[in-house]
All heavy atoms as atom14 arrays in JSON, in Angstrom:
{
  "sequence": "ESPHVYRRLPEVLKAQGKTVEVLHTLRPLIVVM",
  "atom14_mask": [
    [1, 1, 1, 1, 1, 1, 1, 1, 1, 0, 0, 0, 0, 0],
    [1, 1, 1, 1, 1, 1, 0, 0, 0, 0, 0, 0, 0, 0],
    [1, 1, 1, 1, 1, 1, 1, 0, 0, 0, 0, 0, 0, 0],
    [1, 1, 1, 1, 1, 1, 1, 1, 1, 1, 0, 0, 0, 0],
    [1, 1, 1, 1, 1, 1, 1, 0, 0, 0, 0, 0, 0, 0],
    [1, 1, 1, 1, 1, 1, 1, 1, 1, 1, 1, 1, 0, 0],
    [1, 1, 1, 1, 1, 1, 1, 1, 1, 1, 1, 0, 0, 0],
    [1, 1, 1, 1, 1, 1, 1, 1, 1, 1, 1, 0, 0, 0],
    [1, 1, 1, 1, 1, 1, 1, 1, 0, 0, 0, 0, 0, 0],
    [1, 1, 1, 1, 1, 1, 1, 0, 0, 0, 0, 0, 0, 0],
    [1, 1, 1, 1, 1, 1, 1, 1, 1, 0, 0, 0, 0, 0],
    [1, 1, 1, 1, 1, 1, 1, 0, 0, 0, 0, 0, 0, 0],
    [1, 1, 1, 1, 1, 1, 1, 1, 0, 0, 0, 0, 0, 0],
    [1, 1, 1, 1, 1, 1, 1, 1, 1, 0, 0, 0, 0, 0],
    [1, 1, 1, 1, 1, 0, 0, 0, 0, 0, 0, 0, 0, 0],
    [1, 1, 1, 1, 1, 1, 1, 1, 1, 0, 0, 0, 0, 0],
    [1, 1, 1, 1, 0, 0, 0, 0, 0, 0, 0, 0, 0, 0],
    [1, 1, 1, 1, 1, 1, 1, 1, 1, 0, 0, 0, 0, 0],
    [1, 1, 1, 1, 1, 1, 1, 0, 0, 0, 0, 0, 0, 0],
    [1, 1, 1, 1, 1, 1, 1, 0, 0, 0, 0, 0, 0, 0],
    [1, 1, 1, 1, 1, 1, 1, 1, 1, 0, 0, 0, 0, 0],
    [1, 1, 1, 1, 1, 1, 1, 0, 0, 0, 0, 0, 0, 0],
    [1, 1, 1, 1, 1, 1, 1, 1, 0, 0, 0, 0, 0, 0],
    [1, 1, 1, 1, 1, 1, 1, 1, 1, 1, 0, 0, 0, 0],
    [1, 1, 1, 1, 1, 1, 1, 0, 0, 0, 0, 0, 0, 0],
    [1, 1, 1, 1, 1, 1, 1, 1, 0, 0, 0, 0, 0, 0],
    [1, 1, 1, 1, 1, 1, 1, 1, 1, 1, 1, 0, 0, 0],
    [1, 1, 1, 1, 1, 1, 1, 0, 0, 0, 0, 0, 0, 0],
    [1, 1, 1, 1, 1, 1, 1, 1, 0, 0, 0, 0, 0, 0],
    [1, 1, 1, 1, 1, 1, 1, 1, 0, 0, 0, 0, 0, 0],
    [1, 1, 1, 1, 1, 1, 1, 0, 0, 0, 0, 0, 0, 0],
    [1, 1, 1, 1, 1, 1, 1, 0, 0, 0, 0, 0, 0, 0],
    [1, 1, 1, 1, 1, 1, 1, 1, 0, 0, 0, 0, 0, 0]
  ],
  "atom14_positions": [
    [[0.81, -1.26, 0.06], [-0.05, 0.07, -0.07], [0.86, 1.25, 0.08], [0.36, 2.32, 0.2], [-0.86, 0.06, 1.21], [-2.07, -0.99, 1.04], [-3.07, -0.61, -0.18], [-3.14, 0.55, -0.39], [-3.42, -1.53, -0.74], [0.0, 0.0, 0.0], [0.0, 0.0, 0.0], [0.0, 0.0, 0.0], [0.0, 0.0, 0.0], [0.0, 0.0, 0.0]],
    [[2.19, 1.09, -0.17], [3.15, 2.3, -0.27], [2.7, 3.22, -1.38], [2.03, 2.8, -2.32], [4.48, 1.72, -0.64], [5.29, 2.79, -0.9], [0.0, 0.0, 0.0], [0.0, 0.0, 0.0], [0.0, 0.0, 0.0], [0.0, 0.0, 0.0], [0.0, 0.0, 0.0], [0.0, 0.0, 0.0], [0.0, 0.0, 0.0], [0.0, 0.0, 0.0]],
    [[2.89, 4.45, -1.26], [2.66, 5.43, -2.32], [3.15, 5.06, -3.66], [2.65, 5.48, -4.78], [3.23, 6.8, -1.8], [3.29, 6.62, -0.33], [3.5, 5.11, -0.04], [0.0, 0.0, 0.0], [0.0, 0.0, 0.0], [0.0, 0.0, 0.0], [0.0, 0.0, 0.0], [0.0, 0.0, 0.0], [0.0, 0.0, 0.0], [0.0, 0.0, 0.0]],
    [[4.22, 4.38, -3.7], [4.86, 3.89, -4.91], [4.05, 3.01, -5.84], [4.26, 2.9, -7.01], [6.27, 3.27, -4.64], [7.17, 4.01, -3.84], [7.16, 4.05, -2.43], [8.26, 4.66, -4.11], [8.02, 4.76, -2.06], [8.84, 5.16, -2.98], [0.0, 0.0, 0.0], [0.0, 0.0, 0.0], [0.0, 0.0, 0.0], [0.0, 0.0, 0.0]],
    [[2.97, 2.4, -5.28], [2.23, 1.47, -6.08], [1.0, 2.14, -6.67], [0.22, 1.42, -7.36], [1.67, 0.28, -5.25], [2.85, -0.43, -4.46], [0.69, 0.56, -4.31], [0.0, 0.0, 0.0], [0.0, 0.0, 0.0], [0.0, 0.0, 0.0], [0.0, 0.0, 0.0], [0.0, 0.0, 0.0], [0.0, 0.0, 0.0], [0.0, 0.0, 0.0]],
    [[0.98, 3.48, -6.44], [-0.22, 4.31, -6.92], [0.2, 5.36, -7.96], [1.25, 5.82, -7.9], [-1.03, 4.87, -5.86], [-1.83, 3.76, -4.99], [-1.38, 3.22, -3.91], [-3.18, 3.39, -5.42], [-1.96, 2.31, -3.19], [-3.84, 2.54, -4.62], [-3.35, 1.99, -3.58], [-4.05, 1.09, -2.79], [0.0, 0.0, 0.0], [0.0, 0.0, 0.0]],
    [[-0.73, 5.72, -8.7], [-0.63, 6.87, -9.54], [-0.69, 8.11, -8.68], [-1.06, 8.02, -7.5], [-1.78, 6.94, -10.59], [-1.76, 5.96, -11.66], [-2.96, 6.16, -12.56], [-3.19, 5.24, -13.63], [-3.92, 4.16, -13.75], [-4.67, 3.88, -12.64], [-4.03, 3.29, -14.74], [0.0, 0.0, 0.0], [0.0, 0.0, 0.0], [0.0, 0.0, 0.0]],
    [[-0.32, 9.28, -9.15], [-0.41, 10.41, -8.51], [-1.73, 11.09, -8.74], [-2.26, 11.21, -9.88], [0.68, 11.49, -8.84], [2.07, 10.88, -8.8], [2.54, 10.95, -7.25], [1.94, 9.98, -6.43], [2.28, 8.79, -6.29], [3.11, 8.22, -7.03], [1.65, 8.05, -5.35], [0.0, 0.0, 0.0], [0.0, 0.0, 0.0], [0.0, 0.0, 0.0]],
    [[-2.47, 11.43, -7.62], [-3.87, 11.74, -7.86], [-4.09, 13.09, -8.63], [-4.98, 13.18, -9.48], [-4.46, 12.13, -6.38], [-5.91, 12.39, -6.43], [-6.72, 11.23, -6.96], [-6.34, 12.6, -4.94], [0.0, 0.0, 0.0], [0.0, 0.0, 0.0], [0.0, 0.0, 0.0], [0.0, 0.0, 0.0], [0.0, 0.0, 0.0], [0.0, 0.0, 0.0]],
    [[-3.18, 14.11, -8.56], [-3.29, 15.28, -9.46], [-3.38, 14.9, -10.99], [-4.17, 15.46, -11.74], [-2.22, 16.16, -9.16], [-1.81, 15.85, -7.68], [-2.09, 14.37, -7.58], [0.0, 0.0, 0.0], [0.0, 0.0, 0.0], [0.0, 0.0, 0.0], [0.0, 0.0, 0.0], [0.0, 0.0, 0.0], [0.0, 0.0, 0.0], [0.0, 0.0, 0.0]],
    [[-2.59, 14.04, -11.37], [-2.55, 13.63, -12.82], [-3.8, 12.86, -13.22], [-4.36, 13.06, -14.31], [-1.36, 12.73, -13.07], [0.02, 13.43, -12.84], [1.11, 12.37, -13.02], [0.92, 11.35, -13.49], [2.32, 12.83, -12.7], [0.0, 0.0, 0.0], [0.0, 0.0, 0.0], [0.0, 0.0, 0.0], [0.0, 0.0, 0.0], [0.0, 0.0, 0.0]],
    [[-4.34, 12.06, -12.3], [-5.54, 11.3, -12.63], [-6.75, 12.19, -12.58], [-7.56, 12.07, -13.47], [-5.76, 10.23, -11.49], [-7.11, 9.5, -11.71], [-4.72, 9.28, -11.55], [0.0, 0.0, 0.0], [0.0, 0.0, 0.0], [0.0, 0.0, 0.0], [0.0, 0.0, 0.0], [0.0, 0.0, 0.0], [0.0, 0.0, 0.0], [0.0, 0.0, 0.0]],
    [[-6.74, 13.2, -11.77], [-7.84, 14.21, -11.71], [-7.75, 15.04, -12.97], [-8.88, 15.31, -13.59], [-7.7, 15.16, -10.48], [-8.22, 14.64, -9.21], [-7.81, 15.5, -7.99], [-9.77, 14.5, -9.28], [0.0, 0.0, 0.0], [0.0, 0.0, 0.0], [0.0, 0.0, 0.0], [0.0, 0.0, 0.0], [0.0, 0.0, 0.0], [0.0, 0.0, 0.0]],
    [[-6.64, 15.36, -13.33], [-6.45, 16.22, -14.64], [-6.97, 15.41, -15.82], [-7.59, 16.0, -16.71], [-4.96, 16.64, -14.83], [-4.72, 17.52, -16.01], [-3.28, 18.05, -16.03], [-3.08, 18.99, -17.2], [-1.65, 19.42, -17.13], [0.0, 0.0, 0.0], [0.0, 0.0, 0.0], [0.0, 0.0, 0.0], [0.0, 0.0, 0.0], [0.0, 0.0, 0.0]],
    [[-6.81, 14.11, -15.89], [-7.29, 13.23, -16.97], [-8.74, 13.23, -17.02], [-9.37, 12.8, -18.07], [-6.64, 12.01, -16.87], [0.0, 0.0, 0.0], [0.0, 0.0, 0.0], [0.0, 0.0, 0.0], [0.0, 0.0, 0.0], [0.0, 0.0, 0.0], [0.0, 0.0, 0.0], [0.0, 0.0, 0.0], [0.0, 0.0, 0.0], [0.0, 0.0, 0.0]],
    [[-9.41, 13.45, -15.9], [-10.84, 13.57, -15.89], [-11.45, 14.88, -16.58], [-12.58, 15.08, -16.66], [-11.47, 13.38, -14.55], [-11.21, 12.05, -13.97], [-12.02, 10.93, -14.63], [-11.39, 9.8, -14.91], [-13.32, 11.1, -14.95], [0.0, 0.0, 0.0], [0.0, 0.0, 0.0], [0.0, 0.0, 0.0], [0.0, 0.0, 0.0], [0.0, 0.0, 0.0]],
    [[-10.47, 15.73, -16.85], [-10.93, 17.04, -17.46], [-11.75, 17.89, -16.56], [-11.52, 17.85, -15.36], [0.0, 0.0, 0.0], [0.0, 0.0, 0.0], [0.0, 0.0, 0.0], [0.0, 0.0, 0.0], [0.0, 0.0, 0.0], [0.0, 0.0, 0.0], [0.0, 0.0, 0.0], [0.0, 0.0, 0.0], [0.0, 0.0, 0.0], [0.0, 0.0, 0.0]],
    [[-12.61, 18.65, -17.05], [-13.45, 19.58, -16.27], [-14.73, 19.02, -15.91], [-15.61, 19.63, -15.4], [-13.79, 20.81, -17.03], [-12.52, 21.69, -17.49], [-12.93, 22.77, -18.41], [-11.67, 23.61, -18.81], [-12.04, 24.81, -19.67], [0.0, 0.0, 0.0], [0.0, 0.0, 0.0], [0.0, 0.0, 0.0], [0.0, 0.0, 0.0], [0.0, 0.0, 0.0]],
    [[-14.87, 17.59, -15.88], [-16.04, 16.92, -15.55], [-16.33, 17.01, -13.89], [-17.4, 16.93, -13.55], [-16.06, 15.45, -15.87], [-14.93, 14.87, -15.3], [-15.98, 15.32, -17.43], [0.0, 0.0, 0.0], [0.0, 0.0, 0.0], [0.0, 0.0, 0.0], [0.0, 0.0, 0.0], [0.0, 0.0, 0.0], [0.0, 0.0, 0.0], [0.0, 0.0, 0.0]],
    [[-15.21, 17.29, -13.21], [-15.35, 17.44, -11.78], [-14.6, 18.66, -11.32], [-13.67, 19.02, -12.14], [-14.8, 16.15, -11.08], [-15.82, 15.02, -11.22], [-13.39, 15.85, -11.35], [0.0, 0.0, 0.0], [0.0, 0.0, 0.0], [0.0, 0.0, 0.0], [0.0, 0.0, 0.0], [0.0, 0.0, 0.0], [0.0, 0.0, 0.0], [0.0, 0.0, 0.0]],
    [[-14.95, 19.29, -10.26], [-14.13, 20.37, -9.78], [-13.81, 20.06, -8.28], [-14.45, 19.52, -7.52], [-14.99, 21.72, -9.8], [-16.41, 21.59, -9.46], [-17.25, 22.74, -9.97], [-16.74, 23.48, -10.79], [-18.41, 22.81, -9.53], [0.0, 0.0, 0.0], [0.0, 0.0, 0.0], [0.0, 0.0, 0.0], [0.0, 0.0, 0.0], [0.0, 0.0, 0.0]],
    [[-12.55, 20.41, -7.95], [-11.99, 20.15, -6.6], [-12.42, 21.26, -5.66], [-12.17, 22.44, -5.97], [-10.53, 19.96, -6.64], [-9.98, 19.9, -5.18], [-10.01, 18.85, -7.43], [0.0, 0.0, 0.0], [0.0, 0.0, 0.0], [0.0, 0.0, 0.0], [0.0, 0.0, 0.0], [0.0, 0.0, 0.0], [0.0, 0.0, 0.0], [0.0, 0.0, 0.0]],
    [[-13.14, 20.95, -4.62], [-13.5, 21.82, -3.61], [-12.55, 22.06, -2.5], [-12.21, 23.19, -2.01], [-14.88, 21.43, -2.9], [-16.06, 21.18, -3.91], [-17.25, 20.65, -3.11], [-16.33, 22.49, -4.79], [0.0, 0.0, 0.0], [0.0, 0.0, 0.0], [0.0, 0.0, 0.0], [0.0, 0.0, 0.0], [0.0, 0.0, 0.0], [0.0, 0.0, 0.0]],
    [[-11.92, 20.94, -2.11], [-10.87, 21.08, -0.98], [-9.75, 20.05, -1.32], [-10.15, 18.99, -1.74], [-11.5, 20.82, 0.39], [-12.67, 21.68, 0.73], [-12.44, 23.02, 1.11], [-13.96, 21.51, 0.91], [-13.5, 23.58, 1.36], [-14.38, 22.74, 1.23], [0.0, 0.0, 0.0], [0.0, 0.0, 0.0], [0.0, 0.0, 0.0], [0.0, 0.0, 0.0]],
    [[-8.53, 20.46, -0.99], [-7.38, 19.53, -1.03], [-6.96, 19.17, 0.45], [-6.84, 20.07, 1.21], [-6.2, 20.17, -1.67], [-6.6, 20.5, -3.13], [-5.0, 19.2, -1.75], [0.0, 0.0, 0.0], [0.0, 0.0, 0.0], [0.0, 0.0, 0.0], [0.0, 0.0, 0.0], [0.0, 0.0, 0.0], [0.0, 0.0, 0.0], [0.0, 0.0, 0.0]],
    [[-6.97, 17.87, 0.7], [-6.73, 17.39, 2.02], [-5.46, 16.78, 2.26], [-5.05, 15.8, 1.59], [-7.81, 16.36, 2.5], [-9.3, 16.85, 2.23], [-10.27, 15.78, 2.67], [-9.69, 18.17, 2.87], [0.0, 0.0, 0.0], [0.0, 0.0, 0.0], [0.0, 0.0, 0.0], [0.0, 0.0, 0.0], [0.0, 0.0, 0.0], [0.0, 0.0, 0.0]],
    [[-4.6, 17.31, 3.17], [-3.12, 16.7, 3.31], [-3.37, 15.74, 4.44], [-3.89, 16.0, 5.65], [-2.3, 17.9, 3.78], [-0.96, 17.38, 4.16], [0.03, 18.6, 4.28], [-0.28, 19.59, 5.38], [0.24, 19.36, 6.55], [0.93, 18.29, 6.89], [-0.1, 20.25, 7.52], [0.0, 0.0, 0.0], [0.0, 0.0, 0.0], [0.0, 0.0, 0.0]],
    [[-2.86, 14.45, 4.33], [-2.95, 13.58, 5.41], [-1.94, 13.84, 6.5], [-0.78, 14.11, 6.35], [-2.56, 12.2, 4.69], [-1.72, 12.68, 3.55], [-2.29, 14.03, 3.06], [0.0, 0.0, 0.0], [0.0, 0.0, 0.0], [0.0, 0.0, 0.0], [0.0, 0.0, 0.0], [0.0, 0.0, 0.0], [0.0, 0.0, 0.0], [0.0, 0.0, 0.0]],
    [[-2.6, 13.77, 7.72], [-1.73, 13.85, 9.01], [-1.48, 12.58, 9.57], [-0.39, 12.27, 10.0], [-2.5, 14.82, 9.87], [-2.97, 16.2, 9.46], [-3.9, 16.85, 10.38], [-1.76, 17.02, 9.0], [0.0, 0.0, 0.0], [0.0, 0.0, 0.0], [0.0, 0.0, 0.0], [0.0, 0.0, 0.0], [0.0, 0.0, 0.0], [0.0, 0.0, 0.0]],
    [[-2.53, 11.82, 9.76], [-2.42, 10.47, 10.38], [-3.11, 9.46, 9.3], [-4.2, 9.73, 8.86], [-3.32, 10.39, 11.66], [-2.56, 11.41, 12.69], [-3.34, 8.98, 12.16], [-3.5, 11.49, 13.96], [0.0, 0.0, 0.0], [0.0, 0.0, 0.0], [0.0, 0.0, 0.0], [0.0, 0.0, 0.0], [0.0, 0.0, 0.0], [0.0, 0.0, 0.0]],
    [[-2.5, 8.29, 9.14], [-3.13, 7.28, 8.31], [-3.0, 6.08, 9.18], [-1.86, 5.66, 9.6], [-2.31, 7.01, 6.96], [-2.88, 5.89, 6.22], [-2.41, 8.2, 6.07], [0.0, 0.0, 0.0], [0.0, 0.0, 0.0], [0.0, 0.0, 0.0], [0.0, 0.0, 0.0], [0.0, 0.0, 0.0], [0.0, 0.0, 0.0], [0.0, 0.0, 0.0]],
    [[-4.21, 5.34, 9.33], [-4.17, 4.06, 10.09], [-4.87, 2.99, 9.27], [-5.89, 3.19, 8.65], [-5.13, 4.13, 11.46], [-4.86, 2.95, 12.27], [-4.49, 5.42, 12.19], [0.0, 0.0, 0.0], [0.0, 0.0, 0.0], [0.0, 0.0, 0.0], [0.0, 0.0, 0.0], [0.0, 0.0, 0.0], [0.0, 0.0, 0.0], [0.0, 0.0, 0.0]],
    [[-4.05, 1.91, 9.23], [-4.56, 0.76, 8.34], [-4.22, -0.6, 9.04], [-3.62, -0.5, 10.06], [-3.73, 0.67, 7.0], [-3.77, 2.09, 6.15], [-2.85, 2.11, 4.72], [-3.93, 1.17, 3.58], [0.0, 0.0, 0.0], [0.0, 0.0, 0.0], [0.0, 0.0, 0.0], [0.0, 0.0, 0.0], [0.0, 0.0, 0.0], [0.0, 0.0, 0.0]]
  ]
}
């Protein structure tokens, strides 16, 4: 589940074009899995 195994979210969002709009960007402080 390391970040290395995922795409980068901004690039994926950009590929969706203007079909969605970002209201808030959330920076992770704590992640529990």
